[in-house]
All heavy atoms as atom14 arrays in JSON, in Angstrom:
{
  "sequence": "AITGTVWWATSASDADVPSGPAFTAIGKVTVFGSWVN",
  "atom14_mask": [
    [1, 1, 1, 1, 1, 0, 0, 0, 0, 0, 0, 0, 0, 0],
    [1, 1, 1, 1, 1, 1, 1, 1, 0, 0, 0, 0, 0, 0],
    [1, 1, 1, 1, 1, 1, 1, 0, 0, 0, 0, 0, 0, 0],
    [1, 1, 1, 1, 0, 0, 0, 0, 0, 0, 0, 0, 0, 0],
    [1, 1, 1, 1, 1, 1, 1, 0, 0, 0, 0, 0, 0, 0],
    [1, 1, 1, 1, 1, 1, 1, 0, 0, 0, 0, 0, 0, 0],
    [1, 1, 1, 1, 1, 1, 1, 1, 1, 1, 1, 1, 1, 1],
    [1, 1, 1, 1, 1, 1, 1, 1, 1, 1, 1, 1, 1, 1],
    [1, 1, 1, 1, 1, 0, 0, 0, 0, 0, 0, 0, 0, 0],
    [1, 1, 1, 1, 1, 1, 1, 0, 0, 0, 0, 0, 0, 0],
    [1, 1, 1, 1, 1, 1, 0, 0, 0, 0, 0, 0, 0, 0],
    [1, 1, 1, 1, 1, 0, 0, 0, 0, 0, 0, 0, 0, 0],
    [1, 1, 1, 1, 1, 1, 0, 0, 0, 0, 0, 0, 0, 0],
    [1, 1, 1, 1, 1, 1, 1, 1, 0, 0, 0, 0, 0, 0],
    [1, 1, 1, 1, 1, 0, 0, 0, 0, 0, 0, 0, 0, 0],
    [1, 1, 1, 1, 1, 1, 1, 1, 0, 0, 0, 0, 0, 0],
    [1, 1, 1, 1, 1, 1, 1, 0, 0, 0, 0, 0, 0, 0],
    [1, 1, 1, 1, 1, 1, 1, 0, 0, 0, 0, 0, 0, 0],
    [1, 1, 1, 1, 1, 1, 0, 0, 0, 0, 0, 0, 0, 0],
    [1, 1, 1, 1, 0, 0, 0, 0, 0, 0, 0, 0, 0, 0],
    [1, 1, 1, 1, 1, 1, 1, 0, 0, 0, 0, 0, 0, 0],
    [1, 1, 1, 1, 1, 0, 0, 0, 0, 0, 0, 0, 0, 0],
    [1, 1, 1, 1, 1, 1, 1, 1, 1, 1, 1, 0, 0, 0],
    [1, 1, 1, 1, 1, 1, 1, 0, 0, 0, 0, 0, 0, 0],
    [1, 1, 1, 1, 1, 0, 0, 0, 0, 0, 0, 0, 0, 0],
    [1, 1, 1, 1, 1, 1, 1, 1, 0, 0, 0, 0, 0, 0],
    [1, 1, 1, 1, 0, 0, 0, 0, 0, 0, 0, 0, 0, 0],
    [1, 1, 1, 1, 1, 1, 1, 1, 1, 0, 0, 0, 0, 0],
    [1, 1, 1, 1, 1, 1, 1, 0, 0, 0, 0, 0, 0, 0],
    [1, 1, 1, 1, 1, 1, 1, 0, 0, 0, 0, 0, 0, 0],
    [1, 1, 1, 1, 1, 1, 1, 0, 0, 0, 0, 0, 0, 0],
    [1, 1, 1, 1, 1, 1, 1, 1, 1, 1, 1, 0, 0, 0],
    [1, 1, 1, 1, 0, 0, 0, 0, 0, 0, 0, 0, 0, 0],
    [1, 1, 1, 1, 1, 1, 0, 0, 0, 0, 0, 0, 0, 0],
    [1, 1, 1, 1, 1, 1, 1, 1, 1, 1, 1, 1, 1, 1],
    [1, 1, 1, 1, 1, 1, 1, 0, 0, 0, 0, 0, 0, 0],
    [1, 1, 1, 1, 1, 1, 1, 1, 0, 0, 0, 0, 0, 0]
  ],
  "atom14_positions": [
    [[67.68, 58.76, 238.74], [66.27, 58.95, 239.09], [66.07, 60.22, 239.91], [65.14, 60.99, 239.66], [65.75, 57.73, 239.85], [0.0, 0.0, 0.0], [0.0, 0.0, 0.0], [0.0, 0.0, 0.0], [0.0, 0.0, 0.0], [0.0, 0.0, 0.0], [0.0, 0.0, 0.0], [0.0, 0.0, 0.0], [0.0, 0.0, 0.0], [0.0, 0.0, 0.0]],
    [[66.94, 60.46, 240.85], [66.84, 61.67, 241.67], [67.07, 62.91, 240.82], [66.32, 63.88, 240.9], [67.83, 61.6, 242.85], [67.38, 60.53, 243.84], [67.96, 62.96, 243.53], [68.4, 60.2, 244.9], [0.0, 0.0, 0.0], [0.0, 0.0, 0.0], [0.0, 0.0, 0.0], [0.0, 0.0, 0.0], [0.0, 0.0, 0.0], [0.0, 0.0, 0.0]],
    [[68.08, 62.88, 239.98], [68.36, 64.01, 239.1], [67.18, 64.29, 238.17], [66.77, 65.44, 237.99], [69.64, 63.75, 238.27], [70.72, 63.53, 239.17], [69.94, 64.91, 237.34], [0.0, 0.0, 0.0], [0.0, 0.0, 0.0], [0.0, 0.0, 0.0], [0.0, 0.0, 0.0], [0.0, 0.0, 0.0], [0.0, 0.0, 0.0], [0.0, 0.0, 0.0]],
    [[66.62, 63.25, 237.6], [65.47, 63.41, 236.72], [64.26, 63.97, 237.44], [63.55, 64.82, 236.92], [0.0, 0.0, 0.0], [0.0, 0.0, 0.0], [0.0, 0.0, 0.0], [0.0, 0.0, 0.0], [0.0, 0.0, 0.0], [0.0, 0.0, 0.0], [0.0, 0.0, 0.0], [0.0, 0.0, 0.0], [0.0, 0.0, 0.0], [0.0, 0.0, 0.0]],
    [[64.01, 63.52, 238.66], [62.88, 64.02, 239.44], [63.05, 65.49, 239.78], [62.12, 66.28, 239.65], [62.72, 63.19, 240.73], [62.51, 61.82, 240.38], [61.57, 63.68, 241.58], [0.0, 0.0, 0.0], [0.0, 0.0, 0.0], [0.0, 0.0, 0.0], [0.0, 0.0, 0.0], [0.0, 0.0, 0.0], [0.0, 0.0, 0.0], [0.0, 0.0, 0.0]],
    [[64.25, 65.88, 240.19], [64.51, 67.29, 240.5], [64.35, 68.14, 239.24], [63.72, 69.2, 239.27], [65.92, 67.46, 241.12], [66.31, 68.93, 241.19], [65.97, 66.82, 242.49], [0.0, 0.0, 0.0], [0.0, 0.0, 0.0], [0.0, 0.0, 0.0], [0.0, 0.0, 0.0], [0.0, 0.0, 0.0], [0.0, 0.0, 0.0], [0.0, 0.0, 0.0]],
    [[64.87, 67.69, 238.13], [64.73, 68.44, 236.88], [63.26, 68.58, 236.5], [62.8, 69.66, 236.15], [65.48, 67.73, 235.74], [65.23, 68.39, 234.43], [65.87, 69.48, 233.92], [64.23, 68.04, 233.46], [65.34, 69.81, 232.7], [64.32, 68.95, 232.4], [63.26, 67.04, 233.41], [63.48, 68.9, 231.31], [62.42, 67.0, 232.31], [62.55, 67.91, 231.28]],
    [[62.48, 67.51, 236.6], [61.06, 67.54, 236.24], [60.32, 68.5, 237.16], [59.51, 69.31, 236.7], [60.46, 66.14, 236.35], [58.99, 66.16, 236.12], [58.34, 66.18, 234.93], [57.96, 66.2, 237.11], [56.99, 66.23, 235.11], [56.73, 66.23, 236.45], [57.99, 66.2, 238.5], [55.53, 66.27, 237.13], [56.78, 66.24, 239.17], [55.57, 66.28, 238.5]],
    [[60.58, 68.46, 238.45], [59.86, 69.3, 239.41], [60.15, 70.78, 239.18], [59.26, 71.61, 239.27], [60.23, 68.91, 240.84], [0.0, 0.0, 0.0], [0.0, 0.0, 0.0], [0.0, 0.0, 0.0], [0.0, 0.0, 0.0], [0.0, 0.0, 0.0], [0.0, 0.0, 0.0], [0.0, 0.0, 0.0], [0.0, 0.0, 0.0], [0.0, 0.0, 0.0]],
    [[61.38, 71.12, 238.85], [61.71, 72.52, 238.66], [61.32, 73.02, 237.28], [60.94, 74.17, 237.12], [63.21, 72.79, 238.89], [63.96, 71.95, 238.02], [63.58, 72.52, 240.33], [0.0, 0.0, 0.0], [0.0, 0.0, 0.0], [0.0, 0.0, 0.0], [0.0, 0.0, 0.0], [0.0, 0.0, 0.0], [0.0, 0.0, 0.0], [0.0, 0.0, 0.0]],
    [[61.35, 72.18, 236.29], [61.01, 72.65, 234.94], [59.51, 72.62, 234.71], [58.99, 73.41, 233.95], [61.71, 71.81, 233.88], [61.24, 70.48, 233.9], [0.0, 0.0, 0.0], [0.0, 0.0, 0.0], [0.0, 0.0, 0.0], [0.0, 0.0, 0.0], [0.0, 0.0, 0.0], [0.0, 0.0, 0.0], [0.0, 0.0, 0.0], [0.0, 0.0, 0.0]],
    [[58.79, 71.75, 235.38], [57.34, 71.66, 235.17], [56.65, 72.93, 235.6], [55.71, 73.37, 234.97], [56.76, 70.46, 235.93], [0.0, 0.0, 0.0], [0.0, 0.0, 0.0], [0.0, 0.0, 0.0], [0.0, 0.0, 0.0], [0.0, 0.0, 0.0], [0.0, 0.0, 0.0], [0.0, 0.0, 0.0], [0.0, 0.0, 0.0], [0.0, 0.0, 0.0]],
    [[57.12, 73.58, 236.66], [56.46, 74.8, 237.11], [56.58, 75.9, 236.07], [55.64, 76.66, 235.87], [57.03, 75.25, 238.45], [58.4, 75.55, 238.32], [0.0, 0.0, 0.0], [0.0, 0.0, 0.0], [0.0, 0.0, 0.0], [0.0, 0.0, 0.0], [0.0, 0.0, 0.0], [0.0, 0.0, 0.0], [0.0, 0.0, 0.0], [0.0, 0.0, 0.0]],
    [[57.71, 76.01, 235.4], [57.86, 77.02, 234.35], [57.02, 76.67, 233.13], [56.47, 77.55, 232.48], [59.32, 77.16, 233.93], [60.17, 77.79, 235.03], [59.59, 78.45, 235.9], [61.39, 77.6, 235.0], [0.0, 0.0, 0.0], [0.0, 0.0, 0.0], [0.0, 0.0, 0.0], [0.0, 0.0, 0.0], [0.0, 0.0, 0.0], [0.0, 0.0, 0.0]],
    [[56.92, 75.39, 232.81], [56.16, 74.97, 231.63], [54.67, 75.2, 231.83], [53.94, 75.41, 230.88], [56.43, 73.5, 231.34], [0.0, 0.0, 0.0], [0.0, 0.0, 0.0], [0.0, 0.0, 0.0], [0.0, 0.0, 0.0], [0.0, 0.0, 0.0], [0.0, 0.0, 0.0], [0.0, 0.0, 0.0], [0.0, 0.0, 0.0], [0.0, 0.0, 0.0]],
    [[54.2, 75.19, 233.09], [52.78, 75.36, 233.36], [52.34, 76.82, 233.32], [51.15, 77.1, 233.28], [52.43, 74.77, 234.73], [52.55, 73.25, 234.74], [52.58, 72.64, 233.65], [52.64, 72.68, 235.83], [0.0, 0.0, 0.0], [0.0, 0.0, 0.0], [0.0, 0.0, 0.0], [0.0, 0.0, 0.0], [0.0, 0.0, 0.0], [0.0, 0.0, 0.0]],
    [[53.27, 77.75, 233.38], [52.91, 79.17, 233.35], [52.43, 79.5, 231.95], [53.11, 79.21, 230.97], [54.12, 80.05, 233.75], [53.79, 81.52, 233.58], [54.53, 79.76, 235.18], [0.0, 0.0, 0.0], [0.0, 0.0, 0.0], [0.0, 0.0, 0.0], [0.0, 0.0, 0.0], [0.0, 0.0, 0.0], [0.0, 0.0, 0.0], [0.0, 0.0, 0.0]],
    [[51.22, 80.11, 231.85], [50.7, 80.4, 230.51], [51.58, 81.37, 229.75], [52.19, 82.25, 230.34], [49.33, 81.02, 230.78], [49.29, 81.35, 232.21], [50.36, 80.57, 232.91], [0.0, 0.0, 0.0], [0.0, 0.0, 0.0], [0.0, 0.0, 0.0], [0.0, 0.0, 0.0], [0.0, 0.0, 0.0], [0.0, 0.0, 0.0], [0.0, 0.0, 0.0]],
    [[51.62, 81.17, 228.45], [52.34, 82.11, 227.61], [51.45, 82.42, 226.42], [50.6, 81.64, 226.04], [53.67, 81.52, 227.15], [53.44, 80.36, 226.39], [0.0, 0.0, 0.0], [0.0, 0.0, 0.0], [0.0, 0.0, 0.0], [0.0, 0.0, 0.0], [0.0, 0.0, 0.0], [0.0, 0.0, 0.0], [0.0, 0.0, 0.0], [0.0, 0.0, 0.0]],
    [[51.65, 83.54, 225.87], [50.85, 83.98, 224.73], [50.98, 85.49, 224.65], [51.59, 86.11, 225.52], [0.0, 0.0, 0.0], [0.0, 0.0, 0.0], [0.0, 0.0, 0.0], [0.0, 0.0, 0.0], [0.0, 0.0, 0.0], [0.0, 0.0, 0.0], [0.0, 0.0, 0.0], [0.0, 0.0, 0.0], [0.0, 0.0, 0.0], [0.0, 0.0, 0.0]],
    [[50.38, 86.08, 223.63], [50.47, 87.54, 223.5], [49.93, 88.23, 224.76], [48.84, 87.93, 225.23], [49.59, 87.86, 222.3], [49.48, 86.57, 221.54], [49.6, 85.47, 222.56], [0.0, 0.0, 0.0], [0.0, 0.0, 0.0], [0.0, 0.0, 0.0], [0.0, 0.0, 0.0], [0.0, 0.0, 0.0], [0.0, 0.0, 0.0], [0.0, 0.0, 0.0]],
    [[50.73, 89.11, 225.32], [50.35, 89.8, 226.56], [49.23, 90.81, 226.3], [49.09, 91.34, 225.2], [51.56, 90.49, 227.16], [0.0, 0.0, 0.0], [0.0, 0.0, 0.0], [0.0, 0.0, 0.0], [0.0, 0.0, 0.0], [0.0, 0.0, 0.0], [0.0, 0.0, 0.0], [0.0, 0.0, 0.0], [0.0, 0.0, 0.0], [0.0, 0.0, 0.0]],
    [[48.44, 91.04, 227.32], [47.37, 92.03, 227.26], [47.34, 92.81, 228.56], [48.01, 92.46, 229.53], [46.01, 91.38, 226.96], [45.51, 90.48, 228.06], [44.66, 90.97, 229.05], [45.87, 89.14, 228.1], [44.2, 90.14, 230.06], [45.4, 88.31, 229.1], [44.57, 88.8, 230.09], [0.0, 0.0, 0.0], [0.0, 0.0, 0.0], [0.0, 0.0, 0.0]],
    [[46.56, 93.88, 228.61], [46.39, 94.67, 229.82], [45.01, 94.37, 230.4], [44.0, 94.52, 229.71], [46.51, 96.17, 229.53], [47.84, 96.42, 229.04], [46.28, 97.0, 230.77], [0.0, 0.0, 0.0], [0.0, 0.0, 0.0], [0.0, 0.0, 0.0], [0.0, 0.0, 0.0], [0.0, 0.0, 0.0], [0.0, 0.0, 0.0], [0.0, 0.0, 0.0]],
    [[44.99, 93.92, 231.65], [43.73, 93.7, 232.36], [43.25, 95.04, 232.88], [44.04, 95.81, 233.45], [43.93, 92.72, 233.51], [0.0, 0.0, 0.0], [0.0, 0.0, 0.0], [0.0, 0.0, 0.0], [0.0, 0.0, 0.0], [0.0, 0.0, 0.0], [0.0, 0.0, 0.0], [0.0, 0.0, 0.0], [0.0, 0.0, 0.0], [0.0, 0.0, 0.0]],
    [[41.98, 95.34, 232.66], [41.42, 96.61, 233.13], [40.13, 96.34, 233.91], [39.58, 95.25, 233.84], [41.12, 97.57, 231.96], [40.15, 96.92, 230.97], [42.41, 98.0, 231.27], [39.63, 97.86, 229.89], [0.0, 0.0, 0.0], [0.0, 0.0, 0.0], [0.0, 0.0, 0.0], [0.0, 0.0, 0.0], [0.0, 0.0, 0.0], [0.0, 0.0, 0.0]],
    [[39.68, 97.33, 234.63], [38.43, 97.18, 235.36], [38.26, 98.25, 236.42], [39.0, 99.24, 236.46], [0.0, 0.0, 0.0], [0.0, 0.0, 0.0], [0.0, 0.0, 0.0], [0.0, 0.0, 0.0], [0.0, 0.0, 0.0], [0.0, 0.0, 0.0], [0.0, 0.0, 0.0], [0.0, 0.0, 0.0], [0.0, 0.0, 0.0], [0.0, 0.0, 0.0]],
    [[37.26, 98.0, 237.29], [36.96, 98.93, 238.38], [36.6, 98.15, 239.63], [35.96, 97.1, 239.56], [35.79, 99.84, 238.0], [36.11, 100.81, 236.89], [34.96, 101.74, 236.62], [35.36, 102.74, 235.53], [34.38, 103.79, 235.4], [0.0, 0.0, 0.0], [0.0, 0.0, 0.0], [0.0, 0.0, 0.0], [0.0, 0.0, 0.0], [0.0, 0.0, 0.0]],
    [[37.01, 98.71, 240.76], [36.64, 98.18, 242.06], [35.78, 99.24, 242.73], [36.18, 100.41, 242.8], [37.89, 97.9, 242.93], [37.48, 97.44, 244.31], [38.79, 96.9, 242.24], [0.0, 0.0, 0.0], [0.0, 0.0, 0.0], [0.0, 0.0, 0.0], [0.0, 0.0, 0.0], [0.0, 0.0, 0.0], [0.0, 0.0, 0.0], [0.0, 0.0, 0.0]],
    [[34.59, 98.85, 243.19], [33.69, 99.79, 243.83], [33.31, 99.28, 245.21], [32.99, 98.11, 245.37], [32.41, 100.01, 243.0], [32.78, 100.5, 241.71], [31.48, 101.02, 243.65], [0.0, 0.0, 0.0], [0.0, 0.0, 0.0], [0.0, 0.0, 0.0], [0.0, 0.0, 0.0], [0.0, 0.0, 0.0], [0.0, 0.0, 0.0], [0.0, 0.0, 0.0]],
    [[33.34, 100.18, 246.18], [32.87, 99.89, 247.53], [31.64, 100.75, 247.79], [31.63, 101.95, 247.53], [33.96, 100.19, 248.58], [33.39, 100.07, 249.99], [35.14, 99.25, 248.4], [0.0, 0.0, 0.0], [0.0, 0.0, 0.0], [0.0, 0.0, 0.0], [0.0, 0.0, 0.0], [0.0, 0.0, 0.0], [0.0, 0.0, 0.0], [0.0, 0.0, 0.0]],
    [[30.59, 100.1, 248.27], [29.34, 100.79, 248.62], [29.2, 100.82, 250.13], [29.57, 99.87, 250.81], [28.13, 100.04, 248.03], [28.15, 99.96, 246.53], [28.54, 98.78, 245.91], [27.78, 101.04, 245.76], [28.55, 98.69, 244.53], [27.8, 100.96, 244.38], [28.17, 99.78, 243.76], [0.0, 0.0, 0.0], [0.0, 0.0, 0.0], [0.0, 0.0, 0.0]],
    [[28.63, 101.89, 250.66], [28.31, 101.95, 252.08], [29.3, 102.76, 252.88], [30.03, 103.61, 252.36], [0.0, 0.0, 0.0], [0.0, 0.0, 0.0], [0.0, 0.0, 0.0], [0.0, 0.0, 0.0], [0.0, 0.0, 0.0], [0.0, 0.0, 0.0], [0.0, 0.0, 0.0], [0.0, 0.0, 0.0], [0.0, 0.0, 0.0], [0.0, 0.0, 0.0]],
    [[29.32, 102.47, 254.17], [30.08, 103.29, 255.1], [31.56, 102.94, 255.17], [32.27, 103.45, 256.03], [29.45, 103.18, 256.5], [29.5, 101.83, 256.92], [0.0, 0.0, 0.0], [0.0, 0.0, 0.0], [0.0, 0.0, 0.0], [0.0, 0.0, 0.0], [0.0, 0.0, 0.0], [0.0, 0.0, 0.0], [0.0, 0.0, 0.0], [0.0, 0.0, 0.0]],
    [[32.06, 102.06, 254.29], [33.47, 101.67, 254.33], [34.34, 102.57, 253.47], [35.47, 102.22, 253.14], [33.64, 100.23, 253.86], [33.02, 99.27, 254.8], [33.45, 98.92, 256.03], [31.83, 98.53, 254.57], [32.61, 98.02, 256.59], [31.6, 97.76, 255.71], [30.92, 98.45, 253.51], [30.51, 96.9, 255.83], [29.84, 97.61, 253.63], [29.65, 96.86, 254.78]],
    [[33.83, 103.74, 253.09], [34.63, 104.67, 252.3], [34.64, 106.04, 252.94], [33.74, 106.41, 253.67], [34.12, 104.78, 250.84], [34.29, 103.46, 250.12], [32.68, 105.24, 250.78], [0.0, 0.0, 0.0], [0.0, 0.0, 0.0], [0.0, 0.0, 0.0], [0.0, 0.0, 0.0], [0.0, 0.0, 0.0], [0.0, 0.0, 0.0], [0.0, 0.0, 0.0]],
    [[35.69, 106.79, 252.63], [35.83, 108.13, 253.15], [36.17, 109.03, 251.98], [37.2, 108.84, 251.33], [36.92, 108.18, 254.22], [37.01, 109.5, 254.91], [36.15, 110.36, 254.73], [38.06, 109.69, 255.69], [0.0, 0.0, 0.0], [0.0, 0.0, 0.0], [0.0, 0.0, 0.0], [0.0, 0.0, 0.0], [0.0, 0.0, 0.0], [0.0, 0.0, 0.0]]
  ]
}
C-alpha cells in the first residue's frame, strides 16, 4: 500500500502535465504612466 501510494503520487504529477504539439506564446507587455524610464 505504501509503495503504491508513493508511485501514484510521483507519477500522477507527470501525467497531469499537458502534452501536445508545442507552440510559441507571443504578446506584449505595456506599462503606462510614470513607472517607465
